[in-house]
Each structure stands twice: as C-alpha cells, then as structure tokens.
Amino acid sequence: MNIQVVIILLLFSAAVFYVGRMLYKNLSAKKGCGSNCKCGVDFSGIDAPKSHK
C-alpha cells in the first residue's frame, strides 16, 4: 500500500471516530437536572424587575 493511502485512511477513520463520538454524546442520556428543576440554586435573593407604565 502507498503511504499516501495509509495517511488518508488514518485521517478518515479519525474523522469518523470524532463524528461518531459527538453523536453518541448528544444522543446518550444525560445525568443531572431534568427540564423542570432548579438544580439547588437559590433565587430568593434576586429581585424581579419592576414594570414601567
């Protein structure tokens, strides 16, 4: 095999691995907070902005 073909195959397999890893991370179940929780953050010290009329 030509050295150029080996280099191209290595680069291609690295790119496929990288894209596959990104897809796996995005599609796998995430740990931690769900969509409707505060995650332990206390918002009681924050004042809501007053509306101007």
PDB file of N, CA and C in Angstrom:
ATOM      1  N   MET A   1       0.848  -1.188   0.000  1.00  0.00           N
ATOM      2  CA  MET A   1       0.000   0.000   0.000  1.00  0.00           C
ATOM      3  C   MET A   1       0.891   1.247   0.000  1.00  0.00           C
ATOM      4  N   ASN A   2       0.428   2.237  -0.679  1.00  0.00           N
ATOM      5  CA  ASN A   2       1.141   3.502  -0.749  1.00  0.00           C
ATOM      6  C   ASN A   2       0.995   4.257   0.580  1.00  0.00           C
ATOM      7  N   ILE A   3       2.009   4.990   0.972  1.00  0.00           N
ATOM      8  CA  ILE A   3       1.980   5.725   2.237  1.00  0.00           C
ATOM      9  C   ILE A   3       0.877   6.785   2.237  1.00  0.00           C
ATOM     10  N   GLN A   4       0.581   7.355   1.071  1.00  0.00           N
ATOM     11  CA  GLN A   4      -0.482   8.365   0.981  1.00  0.00           C
ATOM     12  C   GLN A   4      -1.844   7.752   1.277  1.00  0.00           C
ATOM     13  N   VAL A   5      -2.078   6.537   0.818  1.00  0.00           N
ATOM     14  CA  VAL A   5      -3.342   5.846   1.076  1.00  0.00           C
ATOM     15  C   VAL A   5      -3.470   5.544   2.565  1.00  0.00           C
ATOM     16  N   VAL A   6      -2.397   5.152   3.200  1.00  0.00           N
ATOM     17  CA  VAL A   6      -2.409   4.858   4.636  1.00  0.00           C
ATOM     18  C   VAL A   6      -2.738   6.125   5.416  1.00  0.00           C
ATOM     19  N   ILE A   7      -2.129   7.241   5.044  1.00  0.00           N
ATOM     20  CA  ILE A   7      -2.389   8.506   5.738  1.00  0.00           C
ATOM     21  C   ILE A   7      -3.847   8.929   5.567  1.00  0.00           C
ATOM     22  N   ILE A   8      -4.378   8.805   4.359  1.00  0.00           N
ATOM     23  CA  ILE A   8      -5.779   9.158   4.094  1.00  0.00           C
ATOM     24  C   ILE A   8      -6.714   8.261   4.893  1.00  0.00           C
ATOM     25  N   LEU A   9      -6.424   6.966   4.949  1.00  0.00           N
ATOM     26  CA  LEU A   9      -7.262   6.047   5.733  1.00  0.00           C
ATOM     27  C   LEU A   9      -7.222   6.378   7.224  1.00  0.00           C
ATOM     28  N   LEU A  10      -6.063   6.754   7.735  1.00  0.00           N
ATOM     29  CA  LEU A  10      -5.955   7.140   9.143  1.00  0.00           C
ATOM     30  C   LEU A  10      -6.742   8.417   9.430  1.00  0.00           C
ATOM     31  N   LEU A  11      -6.622   9.404   8.556  1.00  0.00           N
ATOM     32  CA  LEU A  11      -7.370  10.650   8.739  1.00  0.00           C
ATOM     33  C   LEU A  11      -8.873  10.423   8.635  1.00  0.00           C
ATOM     34  N   PHE A  12      -9.284   9.596   7.681  1.00  0.00           N
ATOM     35  CA  PHE A  12     -10.705   9.308   7.516  1.00  0.00           C
ATOM     36  C   PHE A  12     -11.261   8.571   8.726  1.00  0.00           C
ATOM     37  N   SER A  13     -10.529   7.579   9.225  1.00  0.00           N
ATOM     38  CA  SER A  13     -11.019   6.841  10.393  1.00  0.00           C
ATOM     39  C   SER A  13     -11.044   7.729  11.635  1.00  0.00           C
ATOM     40  N   ALA A  14     -10.093   8.654  11.770  1.00  0.00           N
ATOM     41  CA  ALA A  14     -10.116   9.577  12.896  1.00  0.00           C
ATOM     42  C   ALA A  14     -11.322  10.507  12.804  1.00  0.00           C
ATOM     43  N   ALA A  15     -11.653  10.966  11.602  1.00  0.00           N
ATOM     44  CA  ALA A  15     -12.814  11.839  11.427  1.00  0.00           C
ATOM     45  C   ALA A  15     -14.110  11.088  11.722  1.00  0.00           C
ATOM     46  N   VAL A  16     -14.217   9.848  11.278  1.00  0.00           N
ATOM     47  CA  VAL A  16     -15.415   9.045  11.566  1.00  0.00           C
ATOM     48  C   VAL A  16     -15.544   8.808  13.065  1.00  0.00           C
ATOM     49  N   PHE A  17     -14.453   8.525  13.734  1.00  0.00           N
ATOM     50  CA  PHE A  17     -14.476   8.330  15.183  1.00  0.00           C
ATOM     51  C   PHE A  17     -14.921   9.603  15.897  1.00  0.00           C
ATOM     52  N   TYR A  18     -14.406  10.766  15.465  1.00  0.00           N
ATOM     53  CA  TYR A  18     -14.745  12.044  16.087  1.00  0.00           C
ATOM     54  C   TYR A  18     -16.231  12.363  15.920  1.00  0.00           C
ATOM     55  N   VAL A  19     -16.751  12.203  14.727  1.00  0.00           N
ATOM     56  CA  VAL A  19     -18.165  12.492  14.480  1.00  0.00           C
ATOM     57  C   VAL A  19     -19.044  11.493  15.228  1.00  0.00           C
ATOM     58  N   GLY A  20     -18.657  10.246  15.249  1.00  0.00           N
ATOM     59  CA  GLY A  20     -19.421   9.240  15.981  1.00  0.00           C
ATOM     60  C   GLY A  20     -19.450   9.514  17.473  1.00  0.00           C
ATOM     61  N   ARG A  21     -18.328   9.967  18.022  1.00  0.00           N
ATOM     62  CA  ARG A  21     -18.278  10.303  19.446  1.00  0.00           C
ATOM     63  C   ARG A  21     -19.157  11.496  19.771  1.00  0.00           C
ATOM     64  N   MET A  22     -19.172  12.503  18.890  1.00  0.00           N
ATOM     65  CA  MET A  22     -20.042  13.657  19.103  1.00  0.00           C
ATOM     66  C   MET A  22     -21.513  13.254  19.053  1.00  0.00           C
ATOM     67  N   LEU A  23     -21.882  12.421  18.097  1.00  0.00           N
ATOM     68  CA  LEU A  23     -23.267  11.960  18.003  1.00  0.00           C
ATOM     69  C   LEU A  23     -23.657  11.145  19.233  1.00  0.00           C
ATOM     70  N   TYR A  24     -22.762  10.277  19.686  1.00  0.00           N
ATOM     71  CA  TYR A  24     -23.049   9.458  20.858  1.00  0.00           C
ATOM     72  C   TYR A  24     -23.270  10.324  22.093  1.00  0.00           C
ATOM     73  N   LYS A  25     -22.427  11.344  22.279  1.00  0.00           N
ATOM     74  CA  LYS A  25     -22.578  12.222  23.439  1.00  0.00           C
ATOM     75  C   LYS A  25     -23.877  13.016  23.379  1.00  0.00           C
ATOM     76  N   ASN A  26     -24.294  13.439  22.189  1.00  0.00           N
ATOM     77  CA  ASN A  26     -25.518  14.217  22.060  1.00  0.00           C
ATOM     78  C   ASN A  26     -26.764  13.358  22.225  1.00  0.00           C
ATOM     79  N   LEU A  27     -26.702  12.106  21.830  1.00  0.00           N
ATOM     80  CA  LEU A  27     -27.885  11.250  21.872  1.00  0.00           C
ATOM     81  C   LEU A  27     -27.982  10.422  23.144  1.00  0.00           C
ATOM     82  N   SER A  28     -26.902  10.309  23.889  1.00  0.00           N
ATOM     83  CA  SER A  28     -26.955   9.492  25.103  1.00  0.00           C
ATOM     84  C   SER A  28     -27.707  10.231  26.202  1.00  0.00           C
ATOM     85  N   ALA A  29     -28.191   9.472  27.165  1.00  0.00           N
ATOM     86  CA  ALA A  29     -28.947  10.053  28.276  1.00  0.00           C
ATOM     87  C   ALA A  29     -28.026  10.925  29.114  1.00  0.00           C
ATOM     88  N   LYS A  30     -28.528  12.063  29.475  1.00  0.00           N
ATOM     89  CA  LYS A  30     -27.734  12.997  30.260  1.00  0.00           C
ATOM     90  C   LYS A  30     -28.049  12.820  31.743  1.00  0.00           C
ATOM     91  N   LYS A  31     -27.039  12.923  32.566  1.00  0.00           N
ATOM     92  CA  LYS A  31     -27.224  12.843  34.006  1.00  0.00           C
ATOM     93  C   LYS A  31     -27.445  14.246  34.548  1.00  0.00           C
ATOM     94  N   GLY A  32     -28.066  14.335  35.683  1.00  0.00           N
ATOM     95  CA  GLY A  32     -28.243  15.639  36.321  1.00  0.00           C
ATOM     96  C   GLY A  32     -29.675  16.097  36.243  1.00  0.00           C
ATOM     97  N   CYS A  33     -29.838  17.391  36.214  1.00  0.00           N
ATOM     98  CA  CYS A  33     -31.158  18.001  36.275  1.00  0.00           C
ATOM     99  C   CYS A  33     -32.012  17.692  35.055  1.00  0.00           C
ATOM    100  N   GLY A  34     -33.303  17.591  35.318  1.00  0.00           N
ATOM    101  CA  GLY A  34     -34.252  17.472  34.245  1.00  0.00           C
ATOM    102  C   GLY A  34     -34.627  18.845  33.720  1.00  0.00           C
ATOM    103  N   SER A  35     -35.708  18.904  33.004  1.00  0.00           N
ATOM    104  CA  SER A  35     -36.067  20.173  32.377  1.00  0.00           C
ATOM    105  C   SER A  35     -36.809  21.114  33.313  1.00  0.00           C
ATOM    106  N   ASN A  36     -37.321  20.612  34.448  1.00  0.00           N
ATOM    107  CA  ASN A  36     -38.172  21.455  35.276  1.00  0.00           C
ATOM    108  C   ASN A  36     -37.702  21.472  36.734  1.00  0.00           C
ATOM    109  N   CYS A  37     -36.410  21.731  36.948  1.00  0.00           N
ATOM    110  CA  CYS A  37     -35.929  21.799  38.323  1.00  0.00           C
ATOM    111  C   CYS A  37     -34.979  22.975  38.483  1.00  0.00           C
ATOM    112  N   LYS A  38     -34.679  23.317  39.713  1.00  0.00           N
ATOM    113  CA  LYS A  38     -33.818  24.466  39.999  1.00  0.00           C
ATOM    114  C   LYS A  38     -32.356  24.079  40.171  1.00  0.00           C
ATOM    115  N   CYS A  39     -32.067  22.803  40.254  1.00  0.00           N
ATOM    116  CA  CYS A  39     -30.693  22.317  40.441  1.00  0.00           C
ATOM    117  C   CYS A  39     -30.048  22.859  41.708  1.00  0.00           C
ATOM    118  N   GLY A  40     -30.814  23.118  42.747  1.00  0.00           N
ATOM    119  CA  GLY A  40     -30.270  23.560  44.005  1.00  0.00           C
ATOM    120  C   GLY A  40     -29.868  25.030  44.037  1.00  0.00           C
ATOM    121  N   VAL A  41     -30.263  25.799  43.059  1.00  0.00           N
ATOM    122  CA  VAL A  41     -29.915  27.216  43.027  1.00  0.00           C
ATOM    123  C   VAL A  41     -30.989  27.997  43.772  1.00  0.00           C
ATOM    124  N   ASP A  42     -30.555  28.889  44.652  1.00  0.00           N
ATOM    125  CA  ASP A  42     -31.487  29.696  45.435  1.00  0.00           C
ATOM    126  C   ASP A  42     -31.649  31.063  44.777  1.00  0.00           C
ATOM    127  N   PHE A  43     -32.844  31.322  44.244  1.00  0.00           N
ATOM    128  CA  PHE A  43     -33.132  32.588  43.583  1.00  0.00           C
ATOM    129  C   PHE A  43     -33.860  33.573  44.494  1.00  0.00           C
ATOM    130  N   SER A  44     -33.916  33.314  45.781  1.00  0.00           N
ATOM    131  CA  SER A  44     -34.688  34.158  46.668  1.00  0.00           C
ATOM    132  C   SER A  44     -34.071  35.542  46.854  1.00  0.00           C
ATOM    133  N   GLY A  45     -32.764  35.695  46.650  1.00  0.00           N
ATOM    134  CA  GLY A  45     -32.107  36.977  46.827  1.00  0.00           C
ATOM    135  C   GLY A  45     -32.165  37.883  45.597  1.00  0.00           C
ATOM    136  N   ILE A  46     -32.786  37.425  44.534  1.00  0.00           N
ATOM    137  CA  ILE A  46     -32.843  38.199  43.306  1.00  0.00           C
ATOM    138  C   ILE A  46     -34.183  38.905  43.213  1.00  0.00           C
ATOM    139  N   ASP A  47     -34.140  40.221  43.020  1.00  0.00           N
ATOM    140  CA  ASP A  47     -35.380  40.994  42.891  1.00  0.00           C
ATOM    141  C   ASP A  47     -35.822  41.003  41.436  1.00  0.00           C
ATOM    142  N   ALA A  48     -37.124  40.858  41.237  1.00  0.00           N
ATOM    143  CA  ALA A  48     -37.676  40.914  39.896  1.00  0.00           C
ATOM    144  C   ALA A  48     -37.703  42.347  39.424  1.00  0.00           C
ATOM    145  N   PRO A  49     -37.447  42.608  38.133  1.00  0.00           N
ATOM    146  CA  PRO A  49     -37.506  43.992  37.650  1.00  0.00           C
ATOM    147  C   PRO A  49     -38.934  44.531  37.713  1.00  0.00           C
ATOM    148  N   LYS A  50     -39.053  45.798  38.052  1.00  0.00           N
ATOM    149  CA  LYS A  50     -40.370  46.437  38.136  1.00  0.00           C
ATOM    150  C   LYS A  50     -40.780  46.934  36.760  1.00  0.00           C
ATOM    151  N   SER A  51     -42.040  46.714  36.432  1.00  0.00           N
ATOM    152  CA  SER A  51     -42.521  47.157  35.123  1.00  0.00           C
ATOM    153  C   SER A  51     -42.855  48.642  35.171  1.00  0.00           C
ATOM    154  N   HIS A  52     -42.556  49.336  34.094  1.00  0.00           N
ATOM    155  CA  HIS A  52     -42.841  50.755  33.976  1.00  0.00           C
ATOM    156  C   HIS A  52     -44.114  50.965  33.193  1.00  0.00           C
ATOM    157  N   LYS A  53     -45.007  51.815  33.705  1.00  0.00           N
ATOM    158  CA  LYS A  53     -46.258  52.069  32.981  1.00  0.00           C
ATOM    159  C   LYS A  53     -46.335  53.482  32.532  1.00  0.00           C
TER     160      LYS A  53
END
